[in-house]
Structures are given as C-alpha cells and as structure tokens.
Amino acid sequence: MRVYIDRITVAVNNMPAMVHFYNTVFGAGLMLADPHSEFDFHVGRLGQLELFFCPNSITQIEAEKNRQQLRIVVEDVRQTIARAITAGGQKLGEIHVTDEAIVGGISDPDGNSIELIQYRQA
C-alpha cells in the first residue's frame, strides 16, 4: 500500500501576513490560486508538498492553537528563526543542540507553531 501526503491546507485568518511569512521564511511561492475567483485561495509549495491557504472565513475553524504541528527541515535553524521574526513570526522557546540536530521553534502570524530542525552532517 502506497500512502503519502501531497497537500497541506491551512485555514488562514490574516492572508496577507501569512502569505508574506511563508514566502519570506520558507520560499513557498504562494500566489493566488485563481485571480478570477471570488475566494482568496493561495497555493504554493512547502518542500515536496503543495501548500494551500484557505480563508478561515470559509472553513470557520475555531481553534485557539493549532492541533497539528509541522516539523520543517531547514539548512540553518538560527537564520530561519531570524527570517521568521523579520517576517512577523515569533521565536518559541530556546534552540536545542544535540549530536544529531539543531532544533528550534517559531510561530507564524496566525499563531501556528512550527518546529524547525537542522540535521547535522555525519
């Protein structure tokens, strides 16, 4: 059986801030899915996954915090955190260094937490 995830849909409260954040921090390339649509859907890529932003006014999700957490592999955790702060996000907690990886956390403008991991070379 072949099972895999090919798209992540995020219900977004602040579309301009979220598009700016993910494009700046992760190079997601988010653009309007259909410029002629009445809906403000944005589509891009997060690594191998399609990233789809849907206005929360449509989905009507009521959550004070995210129920899932993404872990994103990055080349440099510290640089990614700096870009996140510049793009309207926040640093969460301290950076942890182990023999295998450097790990840190950020939140996006809508408050979703994201774990960042930088695997160390063997």
N, C-alpha and C. Protein backbone atom coordinates (compact mmCIF):
# COMPACT_ATOMS: atom_id res chain seq x y z
N MET A 1 0.83 -1.17 0.00
CA MET A 1 0.00 0.00 0.00
C MET A 1 0.89 1.25 0.00
N ARG A 2 0.63 2.16 -0.92
CA ARG A 2 1.41 3.40 -1.00
C ARG A 2 0.55 4.54 -0.47
N VAL A 3 0.98 5.13 0.63
CA VAL A 3 0.26 6.23 1.25
C VAL A 3 1.23 7.39 1.47
N TYR A 4 0.81 8.59 1.10
CA TYR A 4 1.64 9.76 1.35
C TYR A 4 0.76 11.01 1.37
N ILE A 5 1.28 12.06 1.94
CA ILE A 5 0.59 13.35 1.99
C ILE A 5 1.09 14.18 0.82
N ASP A 6 0.17 14.76 0.04
CA ASP A 6 0.60 15.58 -1.09
C ASP A 6 0.18 17.04 -0.96
N ARG A 7 -0.68 17.36 0.02
CA ARG A 7 -1.08 18.75 0.20
C ARG A 7 -1.42 19.03 1.65
N ILE A 8 -1.05 20.21 2.08
CA ILE A 8 -1.43 20.71 3.40
C ILE A 8 -2.32 21.92 3.16
N THR A 9 -3.50 21.92 3.75
CA THR A 9 -4.40 23.07 3.68
C THR A 9 -4.40 23.75 5.03
N VAL A 10 -4.20 25.06 5.02
CA VAL A 10 -4.18 25.85 6.25
C VAL A 10 -5.33 26.84 6.19
N ALA A 11 -6.17 26.84 7.22
CA ALA A 11 -7.23 27.84 7.35
C ALA A 11 -6.59 29.11 7.91
N VAL A 12 -6.63 30.18 7.13
CA VAL A 12 -5.85 31.39 7.43
C VAL A 12 -6.76 32.53 7.87
N ASN A 13 -6.37 33.20 8.97
CA ASN A 13 -7.10 34.38 9.42
C ASN A 13 -6.58 35.66 8.77
N ASN A 14 -5.27 35.80 8.68
CA ASN A 14 -4.66 37.02 8.14
C ASN A 14 -3.89 36.65 6.87
N MET A 15 -4.58 36.61 5.74
CA MET A 15 -3.99 36.12 4.50
C MET A 15 -2.74 36.91 4.07
N PRO A 16 -2.78 38.25 4.02
CA PRO A 16 -1.56 38.96 3.57
C PRO A 16 -0.34 38.66 4.45
N ALA A 17 -0.52 38.63 5.77
CA ALA A 17 0.60 38.37 6.67
C ALA A 17 1.11 36.95 6.53
N MET A 18 0.20 36.00 6.37
CA MET A 18 0.61 34.60 6.25
C MET A 18 1.32 34.33 4.93
N VAL A 19 0.83 34.90 3.83
CA VAL A 19 1.49 34.73 2.53
C VAL A 19 2.89 35.31 2.59
N HIS A 20 3.02 36.52 3.14
CA HIS A 20 4.34 37.16 3.27
C HIS A 20 5.26 36.29 4.12
N PHE A 21 4.78 35.79 5.24
CA PHE A 21 5.59 34.99 6.15
C PHE A 21 6.11 33.72 5.47
N TYR A 22 5.23 32.92 4.89
CA TYR A 22 5.66 31.65 4.30
C TYR A 22 6.51 31.85 3.05
N ASN A 23 6.25 32.90 2.30
CA ASN A 23 7.10 33.19 1.14
C ASN A 23 8.48 33.67 1.58
N THR A 24 8.55 34.49 2.62
CA THR A 24 9.82 35.02 3.10
C THR A 24 10.64 33.98 3.84
N VAL A 25 10.01 33.24 4.72
CA VAL A 25 10.74 32.30 5.59
C VAL A 25 11.06 30.99 4.88
N PHE A 26 10.12 30.47 4.09
CA PHE A 26 10.28 29.14 3.50
C PHE A 26 10.31 29.13 1.98
N GLY A 27 10.25 30.30 1.34
CA GLY A 27 10.26 30.36 -0.12
C GLY A 27 9.12 29.56 -0.74
N ALA A 28 7.93 29.67 -0.15
CA ALA A 28 6.79 28.84 -0.55
C ALA A 28 6.20 29.22 -1.91
N GLY A 29 6.47 30.42 -2.40
CA GLY A 29 5.95 30.83 -3.70
C GLY A 29 4.43 30.90 -3.75
N LEU A 30 3.80 31.24 -2.62
CA LEU A 30 2.34 31.32 -2.59
C LEU A 30 1.83 32.43 -3.50
N MET A 31 0.85 32.06 -4.32
CA MET A 31 0.21 33.00 -5.25
C MET A 31 -1.29 32.72 -5.25
N LEU A 32 -2.06 33.67 -5.72
CA LEU A 32 -3.50 33.44 -5.85
C LEU A 32 -3.73 32.20 -6.71
N ALA A 33 -4.56 31.30 -6.24
CA ALA A 33 -4.84 30.08 -6.99
C ALA A 33 -5.60 30.39 -8.27
N ASP A 34 -6.54 31.33 -8.20
CA ASP A 34 -7.33 31.74 -9.36
C ASP A 34 -7.67 33.22 -9.21
N PRO A 35 -6.97 34.09 -9.94
CA PRO A 35 -7.21 35.53 -9.80
C PRO A 35 -8.64 35.95 -10.13
N HIS A 36 -9.40 35.11 -10.82
CA HIS A 36 -10.77 35.45 -11.21
C HIS A 36 -11.81 34.90 -10.23
N SER A 37 -11.36 34.17 -9.22
CA SER A 37 -12.27 33.59 -8.24
C SER A 37 -12.69 34.63 -7.22
N GLU A 38 -13.86 34.45 -6.66
CA GLU A 38 -14.32 35.34 -5.59
C GLU A 38 -13.63 35.01 -4.27
N PHE A 39 -12.96 33.86 -4.20
CA PHE A 39 -12.30 33.42 -2.98
C PHE A 39 -10.80 33.70 -3.03
N ASP A 40 -10.24 34.02 -1.88
CA ASP A 40 -8.84 34.40 -1.74
C ASP A 40 -7.97 33.19 -1.43
N PHE A 41 -8.04 32.15 -2.28
CA PHE A 41 -7.20 30.96 -2.09
C PHE A 41 -5.80 31.24 -2.61
N HIS A 42 -4.79 30.75 -1.88
CA HIS A 42 -3.40 30.86 -2.32
C HIS A 42 -2.79 29.47 -2.36
N VAL A 43 -1.93 29.24 -3.34
CA VAL A 43 -1.30 27.94 -3.48
C VAL A 43 0.20 28.12 -3.72
N GLY A 44 0.99 27.24 -3.13
CA GLY A 44 2.45 27.27 -3.29
C GLY A 44 3.00 25.89 -2.95
N ARG A 45 4.26 25.85 -2.56
CA ARG A 45 4.89 24.58 -2.22
C ARG A 45 5.69 24.74 -0.93
N LEU A 46 5.67 23.70 -0.14
CA LEU A 46 6.48 23.61 1.06
C LEU A 46 7.26 22.30 0.92
N GLY A 47 8.47 22.40 0.40
CA GLY A 47 9.23 21.20 0.07
C GLY A 47 8.54 20.46 -1.05
N GLN A 48 8.23 19.20 -0.84
CA GLN A 48 7.57 18.37 -1.85
C GLN A 48 6.04 18.47 -1.78
N LEU A 49 5.52 19.18 -0.80
CA LEU A 49 4.08 19.26 -0.60
C LEU A 49 3.48 20.52 -1.21
N GLU A 50 2.27 20.39 -1.73
CA GLU A 50 1.51 21.57 -2.11
C GLU A 50 1.01 22.22 -0.83
N LEU A 51 1.14 23.53 -0.75
CA LEU A 51 0.67 24.29 0.39
C LEU A 51 -0.52 25.13 -0.08
N PHE A 52 -1.67 24.95 0.54
CA PHE A 52 -2.89 25.60 0.11
C PHE A 52 -3.44 26.42 1.27
N PHE A 53 -3.60 27.72 1.06
CA PHE A 53 -4.17 28.60 2.07
C PHE A 53 -5.62 28.90 1.72
N CYS A 54 -6.50 28.63 2.66
CA CYS A 54 -7.93 28.87 2.51
C CYS A 54 -8.35 29.87 3.57
N PRO A 55 -9.09 30.93 3.21
CA PRO A 55 -9.54 31.87 4.24
C PRO A 55 -10.38 31.16 5.31
N ASN A 56 -10.08 31.45 6.55
CA ASN A 56 -10.83 30.84 7.65
C ASN A 56 -12.29 31.30 7.66
N SER A 57 -12.58 32.40 6.99
CA SER A 57 -13.98 32.83 6.88
C SER A 57 -14.81 31.79 6.14
N ILE A 58 -14.18 30.97 5.33
CA ILE A 58 -14.87 29.89 4.62
C ILE A 58 -14.94 28.64 5.49
N THR A 59 -13.80 28.24 6.07
CA THR A 59 -13.75 26.99 6.83
C THR A 59 -14.39 27.11 8.21
N GLN A 60 -14.38 28.31 8.78
CA GLN A 60 -15.00 28.56 10.10
C GLN A 60 -14.41 27.69 11.21
N ILE A 61 -13.10 27.46 11.16
CA ILE A 61 -12.45 26.68 12.21
C ILE A 61 -12.23 27.57 13.42
N GLU A 62 -12.67 27.10 14.57
CA GLU A 62 -12.49 27.85 15.81
C GLU A 62 -11.49 27.12 16.68
N ALA A 63 -10.24 27.57 16.63
CA ALA A 63 -9.18 26.96 17.43
C ALA A 63 -8.29 28.07 17.96
N GLU A 64 -7.96 27.99 19.23
CA GLU A 64 -7.06 28.99 19.81
C GLU A 64 -5.61 28.65 19.52
N LYS A 65 -5.31 27.39 19.30
CA LYS A 65 -3.96 26.94 18.95
C LYS A 65 -4.09 25.85 17.90
N ASN A 66 -3.00 25.65 17.15
CA ASN A 66 -3.06 24.61 16.13
C ASN A 66 -3.17 23.23 16.78
N ARG A 67 -3.81 22.32 16.08
CA ARG A 67 -3.99 20.96 16.57
C ARG A 67 -2.94 20.02 16.00
N GLN A 68 -2.27 20.43 14.94
CA GLN A 68 -1.15 19.68 14.38
C GLN A 68 0.05 20.62 14.36
N GLN A 69 1.22 20.04 14.34
CA GLN A 69 2.43 20.86 14.27
C GLN A 69 3.31 20.34 13.15
N LEU A 70 3.74 21.25 12.31
CA LEU A 70 4.66 20.89 11.25
C LEU A 70 6.09 20.87 11.80
N ARG A 71 6.88 19.93 11.32
CA ARG A 71 8.33 19.96 11.56
C ARG A 71 8.95 20.11 10.19
N ILE A 72 9.69 21.21 10.02
CA ILE A 72 10.27 21.54 8.73
C ILE A 72 11.79 21.46 8.82
N VAL A 73 12.38 20.70 7.91
CA VAL A 73 13.83 20.58 7.84
C VAL A 73 14.37 21.81 7.12
N VAL A 74 15.32 22.51 7.75
CA VAL A 74 15.92 23.71 7.19
C VAL A 74 17.44 23.57 7.17
N GLU A 75 18.08 24.40 6.37
CA GLU A 75 19.54 24.37 6.30
C GLU A 75 20.18 25.00 7.52
N ASP A 76 19.53 26.04 8.09
CA ASP A 76 20.10 26.76 9.22
C ASP A 76 18.97 27.25 10.13
N VAL A 77 18.83 26.62 11.29
CA VAL A 77 17.75 26.95 12.22
C VAL A 77 17.83 28.41 12.65
N ARG A 78 19.01 28.88 13.00
CA ARG A 78 19.13 30.25 13.51
C ARG A 78 18.77 31.29 12.45
N GLN A 79 19.21 31.08 11.22
CA GLN A 79 18.86 32.01 10.14
C GLN A 79 17.36 31.97 9.84
N THR A 80 16.77 30.79 9.90
CA THR A 80 15.34 30.65 9.65
C THR A 80 14.54 31.37 10.73
N ILE A 81 14.96 31.25 11.98
CA ILE A 81 14.28 31.96 13.07
C ILE A 81 14.39 33.46 12.87
N ALA A 82 15.56 33.95 12.47
CA ALA A 82 15.74 35.38 12.22
C ALA A 82 14.81 35.86 11.10
N ARG A 83 14.70 35.09 10.02
CA ARG A 83 13.78 35.46 8.92
C ARG A 83 12.33 35.45 9.40
N ALA A 84 12.00 34.48 10.24
CA ALA A 84 10.64 34.37 10.76
C ALA A 84 10.27 35.61 11.58
N ILE A 85 11.17 36.04 12.43
CA ILE A 85 10.92 37.23 13.26
C ILE A 85 10.75 38.46 12.38
N THR A 86 11.62 38.61 11.39
CA THR A 86 11.54 39.75 10.46
C THR A 86 10.23 39.74 9.66
N ALA A 87 9.72 38.54 9.38
CA ALA A 87 8.51 38.40 8.56
C ALA A 87 7.22 38.39 9.39
N GLY A 88 7.31 38.68 10.69
CA GLY A 88 6.10 38.78 11.51
C GLY A 88 5.80 37.59 12.39
N GLY A 89 6.73 36.64 12.45
CA GLY A 89 6.55 35.49 13.33
C GLY A 89 7.23 35.72 14.66
N GLN A 90 7.23 34.70 15.50
CA GLN A 90 7.86 34.79 16.81
C GLN A 90 8.70 33.54 17.06
N LYS A 91 9.76 33.72 17.84
CA LYS A 91 10.57 32.58 18.28
C LYS A 91 9.86 31.93 19.46
N LEU A 92 9.84 30.60 19.47
CA LEU A 92 9.25 29.86 20.58
C LEU A 92 10.35 29.09 21.31
N GLY A 93 10.54 29.38 22.56
CA GLY A 93 11.50 28.64 23.37
C GLY A 93 12.94 28.83 22.94
N GLU A 94 13.76 27.95 23.43
CA GLU A 94 15.19 28.01 23.17
C GLU A 94 15.59 27.03 22.07
N ILE A 95 16.73 27.27 21.47
CA ILE A 95 17.29 26.35 20.49
C ILE A 95 17.97 25.21 21.24
N HIS A 96 17.71 23.97 20.81
CA HIS A 96 18.31 22.80 21.43
C HIS A 96 19.29 22.16 20.45
N VAL A 97 20.48 21.85 20.97
CA VAL A 97 21.52 21.26 20.14
C VAL A 97 21.84 19.87 20.67
N THR A 98 21.80 18.88 19.78
CA THR A 98 22.18 17.52 20.12
C THR A 98 23.26 17.09 19.14
N ASP A 99 23.75 15.88 19.31
CA ASP A 99 24.74 15.36 18.37
C ASP A 99 24.15 15.19 16.97
N GLU A 100 22.85 14.95 16.89
CA GLU A 100 22.19 14.67 15.61
C GLU A 100 21.61 15.91 14.93
N ALA A 101 21.16 16.91 15.73
CA ALA A 101 20.41 18.01 15.11
C ALA A 101 20.40 19.26 15.98
N ILE A 102 20.03 20.34 15.33
CA ILE A 102 19.74 21.62 16.00
C ILE A 102 18.25 21.84 15.79
N VAL A 103 17.53 22.11 16.89
CA VAL A 103 16.08 22.21 16.84
C VAL A 103 15.63 23.52 17.48
N GLY A 104 14.68 24.19 16.83
CA GLY A 104 14.11 25.42 17.35
C GLY A 104 12.65 25.50 16.99
N GLY A 105 11.98 26.51 17.52
CA GLY A 105 10.56 26.67 17.24
C GLY A 105 10.20 28.10 16.91
N ILE A 106 9.20 28.25 16.06
CA ILE A 106 8.66 29.55 15.70
C ILE A 106 7.14 29.46 15.64
N SER A 107 6.50 30.61 15.61
CA SER A 107 5.07 30.64 15.31
C SER A 107 4.87 31.60 14.15
N ASP A 108 3.87 31.29 13.32
CA ASP A 108 3.56 32.15 12.18
C ASP A 108 2.62 33.27 12.62
N PRO A 109 2.27 34.22 11.75
CA PRO A 109 1.41 35.34 12.15
C PRO A 109 0.03 34.94 12.68
N ASP A 110 -0.48 33.78 12.30
CA ASP A 110 -1.76 33.31 12.84
C ASP A 110 -1.59 32.53 14.14
N GLY A 111 -0.35 32.37 14.63
CA GLY A 111 -0.10 31.71 15.89
C GLY A 111 0.16 30.21 15.81
N ASN A 112 0.26 29.65 14.61
CA ASN A 112 0.57 28.23 14.46
C ASN A 112 2.03 27.97 14.79
N SER A 113 2.29 26.99 15.64
CA SER A 113 3.67 26.69 15.99
C SER A 113 4.28 25.76 14.94
N ILE A 114 5.58 25.96 14.70
CA ILE A 114 6.32 25.19 13.71
C ILE A 114 7.64 24.78 14.34
N GLU A 115 7.96 23.51 14.28
CA GLU A 115 9.25 23.02 14.74
C GLU A 115 10.22 23.06 13.57
N LEU A 116 11.40 23.60 13.81
CA LEU A 116 12.46 23.65 12.80
C LEU A 116 13.56 22.69 13.20
N ILE A 117 14.08 21.93 12.24
CA ILE A 117 15.17 21.01 12.54
C ILE A 117 16.24 21.10 11.47
N GLN A 118 17.46 21.17 11.94
CA GLN A 118 18.64 21.20 11.06
C GLN A 118 19.47 19.98 11.41
N TYR A 119 19.45 18.98 10.53
CA TYR A 119 20.22 17.77 10.80
C TYR A 119 21.70 18.06 10.61
N ARG A 120 22.50 17.55 11.53
CA ARG A 120 23.94 17.75 11.46
C ARG A 120 24.55 16.71 10.54
N GLN A 121 25.62 17.09 9.90
CA GLN A 121 26.31 16.17 8.98
C GLN A 121 27.02 15.09 9.78
N ALA A 122 27.00 13.88 9.28
CA ALA A 122 27.65 12.75 10.00
C ALA A 122 29.15 12.80 9.82
